[in-house]
PDB file of N, CA and C in Angstrom:
ATOM      1  N   MET A   1       2.192 -18.051  28.625  1.00  0.00           N
ATOM      2  CA  MET A   1       1.580 -16.769  28.736  1.00  0.00           C
ATOM      3  C   MET A   1       0.119 -16.894  28.227  1.00  0.00           C
ATOM      4  N   ASN A   2      -0.749 -16.299  28.931  1.00  0.00           N
ATOM      5  CA  ASN A   2      -2.194 -16.405  28.603  1.00  0.00           C
ATOM      6  C   ASN A   2      -2.604 -15.282  27.640  1.00  0.00           C
ATOM      7  N   ILE A   3      -3.586 -15.534  26.791  1.00  0.00           N
ATOM      8  CA  ILE A   3      -3.992 -14.539  25.800  1.00  0.00           C
ATOM      9  C   ILE A   3      -4.614 -13.298  26.458  1.00  0.00           C
ATOM     10  N   ARG A   4      -5.140 -13.472  27.655  1.00  0.00           N
ATOM     11  CA  ARG A   4      -5.761 -12.302  28.366  1.00  0.00           C
ATOM     12  C   ARG A   4      -4.704 -11.251  28.680  1.00  0.00           C
ATOM     13  N   HIS A   5      -3.484 -11.603  28.808  1.00  0.00           N
ATOM     14  CA  HIS A   5      -2.430 -10.614  29.080  1.00  0.00           C
ATOM     15  C   HIS A   5      -2.109  -9.741  27.895  1.00  0.00           C
ATOM     16  N   TRP A   6      -2.544 -10.151  26.706  1.00  0.00           N
ATOM     17  CA  TRP A   6      -2.240  -9.422  25.467  1.00  0.00           C
ATOM     18  C   TRP A   6      -3.418  -8.571  24.978  1.00  0.00           C
ATOM     19  N   VAL A   7      -4.608  -8.853  25.453  1.00  0.00           N
ATOM     20  CA  VAL A   7      -5.829  -8.158  24.970  1.00  0.00           C
ATOM     21  C   VAL A   7      -5.802  -6.686  25.300  1.00  0.00           C
ATOM     22  N   LEU A   8      -5.564  -6.337  26.546  1.00  0.00           N
ATOM     23  CA  LEU A   8      -5.605  -4.888  26.948  1.00  0.00           C
ATOM     24  C   LEU A   8      -4.544  -4.077  26.181  1.00  0.00           C
ATOM     25  N   PRO A   9      -3.265  -4.531  26.126  1.00  0.00           N
ATOM     26  CA  PRO A   9      -2.300  -3.760  25.378  1.00  0.00           C
ATOM     27  C   PRO A   9      -2.650  -3.640  23.899  1.00  0.00           C
ATOM     28  N   ALA A  10      -3.276  -4.704  23.327  1.00  0.00           N
ATOM     29  CA  ALA A  10      -3.658  -4.613  21.919  1.00  0.00           C
ATOM     30  C   ALA A  10      -4.727  -3.601  21.716  1.00  0.00           C
ATOM     31  N   VAL A  11      -5.688  -3.565  22.615  1.00  0.00           N
ATOM     32  CA  VAL A  11      -6.815  -2.610  22.511  1.00  0.00           C
ATOM     33  C   VAL A  11      -6.283  -1.142  22.622  1.00  0.00           C
ATOM     34  N   ILE A  12      -5.396  -0.944  23.579  1.00  0.00           N
ATOM     35  CA  ILE A  12      -4.815   0.390  23.777  1.00  0.00           C
ATOM     36  C   ILE A  12      -3.998   0.806  22.555  1.00  0.00           C
ATOM     37  N   ALA A  13      -3.215  -0.059  21.996  1.00  0.00           N
ATOM     38  CA  ALA A  13      -2.464   0.237  20.803  1.00  0.00           C
ATOM     39  C   ALA A  13      -3.353   0.564  19.642  1.00  0.00           C
ATOM     40  N   GLY A  14      -4.467  -0.184  19.531  1.00  0.00           N
ATOM     41  CA  GLY A  14      -5.411   0.105  18.443  1.00  0.00           C
ATOM     42  C   GLY A  14      -6.055   1.457  18.557  1.00  0.00           C
ATOM     43  N   CYS A  15      -6.344   1.872  19.777  1.00  0.00           N
ATOM     44  CA  CYS A  15      -6.921   3.224  19.987  1.00  0.00           C
ATOM     45  C   CYS A  15      -5.908   4.314  19.597  1.00  0.00           C
ATOM     46  N   PHE A  16      -4.648   4.112  19.927  1.00  0.00           N
ATOM     47  CA  PHE A  16      -3.640   5.104  19.537  1.00  0.00           C
ATOM     48  C   PHE A  16      -3.482   5.163  18.014  1.00  0.00           C
ATOM     49  N   VAL A  17      -3.585   4.061  17.378  1.00  0.00           N
ATOM     50  CA  VAL A  17      -3.479   4.039  15.889  1.00  0.00           C
ATOM     51  C   VAL A  17      -4.641   4.806  15.267  1.00  0.00           C
ATOM     52  N   LEU A  18      -5.841   4.515  15.775  1.00  0.00           N
ATOM     53  CA  LEU A  18      -7.008   5.197  15.199  1.00  0.00           C
ATOM     54  C   LEU A  18      -7.030   6.683  15.492  1.00  0.00           C
ATOM     55  N   THR A  19      -6.548   7.052  16.639  1.00  0.00           N
ATOM     56  CA  THR A  19      -6.471   8.478  16.981  1.00  0.00           C
ATOM     57  C   THR A  19      -5.493   9.198  16.078  1.00  0.00           C
ATOM     58  N   GLY A  20      -4.409   8.577  15.684  1.00  0.00           N
ATOM     59  CA  GLY A  20      -3.410   9.180  14.837  1.00  0.00           C
ATOM     60  C   GLY A  20      -3.871   9.379  13.439  1.00  0.00           C
ATOM     61  N   CYS A  21      -4.979   8.774  13.024  1.00  0.00           N
ATOM     62  CA  CYS A  21      -5.465   8.836  11.661  1.00  0.00           C
ATOM     63  C   CYS A  21      -6.236  10.155  11.381  1.00  0.00           C
ATOM     64  N   SER A  22      -6.804  10.744  12.405  1.00  0.00           N
ATOM     65  CA  SER A  22      -7.546  11.965  12.182  1.00  0.00           C
ATOM     66  C   SER A  22      -6.582  13.161  12.055  1.00  0.00           C
ATOM     67  N   SER A  23      -6.882  14.049  11.161  1.00  0.00           N
ATOM     68  CA  SER A  23      -6.038  15.200  10.938  1.00  0.00           C
ATOM     69  C   SER A  23      -6.916  16.426  10.766  1.00  0.00           C
ATOM     70  N   PRO A  24      -7.045  17.215  11.864  1.00  0.00           N
ATOM     71  CA  PRO A  24      -7.871  18.408  11.819  1.00  0.00           C
ATOM     72  C   PRO A  24      -7.397  19.307  10.649  1.00  0.00           C
ATOM     73  N   THR A  25      -8.365  19.855   9.929  1.00  0.00           N
ATOM     74  CA  THR A  25      -8.095  20.651   8.756  1.00  0.00           C
ATOM     75  C   THR A  25      -8.865  21.948   8.806  1.00  0.00           C
ATOM     76  N   VAL A  26      -8.332  23.014   8.267  1.00  0.00           N
ATOM     77  CA  VAL A  26      -9.003  24.293   8.156  1.00  0.00           C
ATOM     78  C   VAL A  26      -9.404  24.518   6.719  1.00  0.00           C
ATOM     79  N   VAL A  27     -10.739  24.662   6.534  1.00  0.00           N
ATOM     80  CA  VAL A  27     -11.274  24.998   5.203  1.00  0.00           C
ATOM     81  C   VAL A  27     -11.638  26.440   5.199  1.00  0.00           C
ATOM     82  N   THR A  28     -11.051  27.245   4.337  1.00  0.00           N
ATOM     83  CA  THR A  28     -11.325  28.656   4.233  1.00  0.00           C
ATOM     84  C   THR A  28     -12.064  28.946   2.939  1.00  0.00           C
ATOM     85  N   LEU A  29     -13.181  29.676   3.050  1.00  0.00           N
ATOM     86  CA  LEU A  29     -13.989  30.017   1.889  1.00  0.00           C
ATOM     87  C   LEU A  29     -13.511  31.329   1.314  1.00  0.00           C
ATOM     88  N   GLN A  30     -13.981  31.638   0.106  1.00  0.00           N
ATOM     89  CA  GLN A  30     -13.602  32.885  -0.542  1.00  0.00           C
ATOM     90  C   GLN A  30     -14.028  34.113   0.248  1.00  0.00           C
ATOM     91  N   ASN A  31     -15.168  33.998   0.992  1.00  0.00           N
ATOM     92  CA  ASN A  31     -15.606  35.151   1.786  1.00  0.00           C
ATOM     93  C   ASN A  31     -14.915  35.265   3.130  1.00  0.00           C
ATOM     94  N   GLY A  32     -13.942  34.369   3.434  1.00  0.00           N
ATOM     95  CA  GLY A  32     -13.191  34.471   4.693  1.00  0.00           C
ATOM     96  C   GLY A  32     -13.716  33.552   5.754  1.00  0.00           C
ATOM     97  N   THR A  33     -14.850  32.934   5.570  1.00  0.00           N
ATOM     98  CA  THR A  33     -15.357  32.001   6.588  1.00  0.00           C
ATOM     99  C   THR A  33     -14.436  30.820   6.706  1.00  0.00           C
ATOM    100  N   GLN A  34     -14.122  30.423   7.915  1.00  0.00           N
ATOM    101  CA  GLN A  34     -13.305  29.265   8.170  1.00  0.00           C
ATOM    102  C   GLN A  34     -14.059  28.170   8.937  1.00  0.00           C
ATOM    103  N   TYR A  35     -13.843  26.961   8.497  1.00  0.00           N
ATOM    104  CA  TYR A  35     -14.383  25.799   9.204  1.00  0.00           C
ATOM    105  C   TYR A  35     -13.200  24.932   9.639  1.00  0.00           C
ATOM    106  N   ILE A  36     -13.238  24.488  10.847  1.00  0.00           N
ATOM    107  CA  ILE A  36     -12.231  23.501  11.345  1.00  0.00           C
ATOM    108  C   ILE A  36     -12.958  22.163  11.321  1.00  0.00           C
ATOM    109  N   THR A  37     -12.328  21.226  10.608  1.00  0.00           N
ATOM    110  CA  THR A  37     -12.928  19.870  10.455  1.00  0.00           C
ATOM    111  C   THR A  37     -12.216  18.865  11.319  1.00  0.00           C
ATOM    112  N   LYS A  38     -12.911  17.772  11.582  1.00  0.00           N
ATOM    113  CA  LYS A  38     -12.313  16.658  12.363  1.00  0.00           C
ATOM    114  C   LYS A  38     -11.315  15.926  11.546  1.00  0.00           C
ATOM    115  N   ASP A  39     -11.591  15.804  10.267  1.00  0.00           N
ATOM    116  CA  ASP A  39     -10.771  15.046   9.313  1.00  0.00           C
ATOM    117  C   ASP A  39     -10.642  15.878   8.015  1.00  0.00           C
ATOM    118  N   ALA A  40      -9.739  15.505   7.170  1.00  0.00           N
ATOM    119  CA  ALA A  40      -9.618  16.160   5.849  1.00  0.00           C
ATOM    120  C   ALA A  40     -10.932  15.952   5.096  1.00  0.00           C
ATOM    121  N   PRO A  41     -11.444  17.006   4.452  1.00  0.00           N
ATOM    122  CA  PRO A  41     -12.690  16.887   3.748  1.00  0.00           C
ATOM    123  C   PRO A  41     -12.602  15.980   2.553  1.00  0.00           C
ATOM    124  N   LYS A  42     -13.726  15.420   2.191  1.00  0.00           N
ATOM    125  CA  LYS A  42     -13.759  14.579   0.961  1.00  0.00           C
ATOM    126  C   LYS A  42     -13.468  15.527  -0.179  1.00  0.00           C
ATOM    127  N   THR A  43     -12.738  15.016  -1.180  1.00  0.00           N
ATOM    128  CA  THR A  43     -12.406  15.876  -2.301  1.00  0.00           C
ATOM    129  C   THR A  43     -13.693  16.185  -3.069  1.00  0.00           C
ATOM    130  N   LYS A  44     -13.589  17.048  -4.018  1.00  0.00           N
ATOM    131  CA  LYS A  44     -14.726  17.532  -4.759  1.00  0.00           C
ATOM    132  C   LYS A  44     -15.529  16.362  -5.315  1.00  0.00           C
ATOM    133  N   THR A  45     -16.846  16.372  -5.084  1.00  0.00           N
ATOM    134  CA  THR A  45     -17.693  15.306  -5.508  1.00  0.00           C
ATOM    135  C   THR A  45     -18.111  15.586  -6.989  1.00  0.00           C
ATOM    136  N   LYS A  46     -18.790  14.606  -7.592  1.00  0.00           N
ATOM    137  CA  LYS A  46     -19.209  14.734  -8.968  1.00  0.00           C
ATOM    138  C   LYS A  46     -20.046  15.976  -9.218  1.00  0.00           C
ATOM    139  N   ASP A  47     -20.858  16.350  -8.227  1.00  0.00           N
ATOM    140  CA  ASP A  47     -21.712  17.517  -8.426  1.00  0.00           C
ATOM    141  C   ASP A  47     -21.033  18.833  -8.067  1.00  0.00           C
ATOM    142  N   GLY A  48     -19.722  18.783  -7.771  1.00  0.00           N
ATOM    143  CA  GLY A  48     -18.954  20.024  -7.554  1.00  0.00           C
ATOM    144  C   GLY A  48     -18.965  20.559  -6.171  1.00  0.00           C
ATOM    145  N   PHE A  49     -19.124  19.740  -5.181  1.00  0.00           N
ATOM    146  CA  PHE A  49     -19.190  20.154  -3.762  1.00  0.00           C
ATOM    147  C   PHE A  49     -18.084  19.483  -2.936  1.00  0.00           C
ATOM    148  N   TYR A  50     -17.670  20.181  -1.891  1.00  0.00           N
ATOM    149  CA  TYR A  50     -16.839  19.558  -0.807  1.00  0.00           C
ATOM    150  C   TYR A  50     -17.783  19.216   0.321  1.00  0.00           C
ATOM    151  N   GLU A  51     -17.612  18.038   0.923  1.00  0.00           N
ATOM    152  CA  GLU A  51     -18.397  17.674   2.090  1.00  0.00           C
ATOM    153  C   GLU A  51     -17.502  17.304   3.239  1.00  0.00           C
ATOM    154  N   PHE A  52     -17.844  17.839   4.441  1.00  0.00           N
ATOM    155  CA  PHE A  52     -17.015  17.562   5.606  1.00  0.00           C
ATOM    156  C   PHE A  52     -17.853  17.797   6.864  1.00  0.00           C
ATOM    157  N   GLU A  53     -17.305  17.248   7.969  1.00  0.00           N
ATOM    158  CA  GLU A  53     -17.967  17.426   9.271  1.00  0.00           C
ATOM    159  C   GLU A  53     -17.105  18.406  10.085  1.00  0.00           C
ATOM    160  N   ASP A  54     -17.733  19.459  10.593  1.00  0.00           N
ATOM    161  CA  ASP A  54     -16.947  20.429  11.365  1.00  0.00           C
ATOM    162  C   ASP A  54     -16.795  19.859  12.828  1.00  0.00           C
ATOM    163  N   ILE A  55     -16.010  20.582  13.659  1.00  0.00           N
ATOM    164  CA  ILE A  55     -15.682  20.051  14.965  1.00  0.00           C
ATOM    165  C   ILE A  55     -16.910  19.913  15.859  1.00  0.00           C
ATOM    166  N   SER A  56     -18.013  20.587  15.558  1.00  0.00           N
ATOM    167  CA  SER A  56     -19.223  20.446  16.410  1.00  0.00           C
ATOM    168  C   SER A  56     -20.075  19.288  15.963  1.00  0.00           C
ATOM    169  N   GLY A  57     -19.670  18.614  14.864  1.00  0.00           N
ATOM    170  CA  GLY A  57     -20.397  17.454  14.350  1.00  0.00           C
ATOM    171  C   GLY A  57     -21.377  17.740  13.263  1.00  0.00           C
ATOM    172  N   LYS A  58     -21.470  18.973  12.827  1.00  0.00           N
ATOM    173  CA  LYS A  58     -22.384  19.378  11.785  1.00  0.00           C
ATOM    174  C   LYS A  58     -21.819  19.055  10.436  1.00  0.00           C
ATOM    175  N   MET A  59     -22.643  18.455   9.531  1.00  0.00           N
ATOM    176  CA  MET A  59     -22.197  18.170   8.174  1.00  0.00           C
ATOM    177  C   MET A  59     -22.328  19.443   7.356  1.00  0.00           C
ATOM    178  N   ILE A  60     -21.240  19.765   6.657  1.00  0.00           N
ATOM    179  CA  ILE A  60     -21.180  20.983   5.825  1.00  0.00           C
ATOM    180  C   ILE A  60     -20.946  20.550   4.380  1.00  0.00           C
ATOM    181  N   LYS A  61     -21.673  21.215   3.469  1.00  0.00           N
ATOM    182  CA  LYS A  61     -21.506  20.968   2.016  1.00  0.00           C
ATOM    183  C   LYS A  61     -21.400  22.338   1.346  1.00  0.00           C
ATOM    184  N   VAL A  62     -20.271  22.593   0.711  1.00  0.00           N
ATOM    185  CA  VAL A  62     -20.076  23.896   0.036  1.00  0.00           C
ATOM    186  C   VAL A  62     -19.602  23.634  -1.375  1.00  0.00           C
ATOM    187  N   ARG A  63     -19.946  24.577  -2.276  1.00  0.00           N
ATOM    188  CA  ARG A  63     -19.525  24.502  -3.651  1.00  0.00           C
ATOM    189  C   ARG A  63     -18.032  24.608  -3.758  1.00  0.00           C
ATOM    190  N   ALA A  64     -17.407  23.841  -4.614  1.00  0.00           N
ATOM    191  CA  ALA A  64     -15.955  23.863  -4.735  1.00  0.00           C
ATOM    192  C   ALA A  64     -15.415  25.220  -5.115  1.00  0.00           C
ATOM    193  N   ASP A  65     -16.123  25.996  -5.897  1.00  0.00           N
ATOM    194  CA  ASP A  65     -15.657  27.306  -6.350  1.00  0.00           C
ATOM    195  C   ASP A  65     -15.706  28.348  -5.226  1.00  0.00           C
ATOM    196  N   GLU A  66     -16.373  27.991  -4.091  1.00  0.00           N
ATOM    197  CA  GLU A  66     -16.417  28.910  -2.950  1.00  0.00           C
ATOM    198  C   GLU A  66     -15.213  28.646  -1.972  1.00  0.00           C
ATOM    199  N   VAL A  67     -14.516  27.518  -2.200  1.00  0.00           N
ATOM    200  CA  VAL A  67     -13.393  27.144  -1.273  1.00  0.00           C
ATOM    201  C   VAL A  67     -12.096  27.842  -1.773  1.00  0.00           C
ATOM    202  N   ALA A  68     -11.437  28.572  -0.856  1.00  0.00           N
ATOM    203  CA  ALA A  68     -10.180  29.239  -1.135  1.00  0.00           C
ATOM    204  C   ALA A  68      -9.000  28.297  -0.871  1.00  0.00           C
ATOM    205  N   THR A  69      -8.981  27.753   0.356  1.00  0.00           N
ATOM    206  CA  THR A  69      -7.862  26.870   0.760  1.00  0.00           C
ATOM    207  C   THR A  69      -8.397  25.743   1.643  1.00  0.00           C
ATOM    208  N   VAL A  70      -7.653  24.614   1.603  1.00  0.00           N
ATOM    209  CA  VAL A  70      -7.848  23.486   2.509  1.00  0.00           C
ATOM    210  C   VAL A  70      -6.463  23.069   2.951  1.00  0.00           C
ATOM    211  N   LYS A  71      -6.193  23.332   4.270  1.00  0.00           N
ATOM    212  CA  LYS A  71      -4.839  22.995   4.760  1.00  0.00           C
ATOM    213  C   LYS A  71      -4.916  22.471   6.206  1.00  0.00           C
ATOM    214  N   PRO A  72      -3.940  21.685   6.621  1.00  0.00           N
ATOM    215  CA  PRO A  72      -3.909  21.114   7.939  1.00  0.00           C
ATOM    216  C   PRO A  72      -3.871  22.194   9.005  1.00  0.00           C
ATOM    217  N   GLU A  73      -4.533  21.991  10.115  1.00  0.00           N
ATOM    218  CA  GLU A  73      -4.532  22.947  11.206  1.00  0.00           C
ATOM    219  C   GLU A  73      -3.161  22.988  11.878  1.00  0.00           C
ATOM    220  N   ASP A  74      -2.709  24.157  12.262  1.00  0.00           N
ATOM    221  CA  ASP A  74      -1.397  24.326  12.879  1.00  0.00           C
ATOM    222  C   ASP A  74      -1.429  23.928  14.308  1.00  0.00           C
TER     223      ASP A  74
END
């Protein structure tokens, strides 16, 4: 068996694994504003902020005391 026969299936399997790692999350602020993120946001940083990228690709940084909930999207 030639190695070329294994390359394409390995690449496809790798793409499926990477796709499964993202977990859309809803971040709700105290004022009711909701952000849908591509991935779970980074936990609170040393300066007291959450940082995440919303689904449009914009980087968002909010104070931790403004965040009401962070939960997986249904």
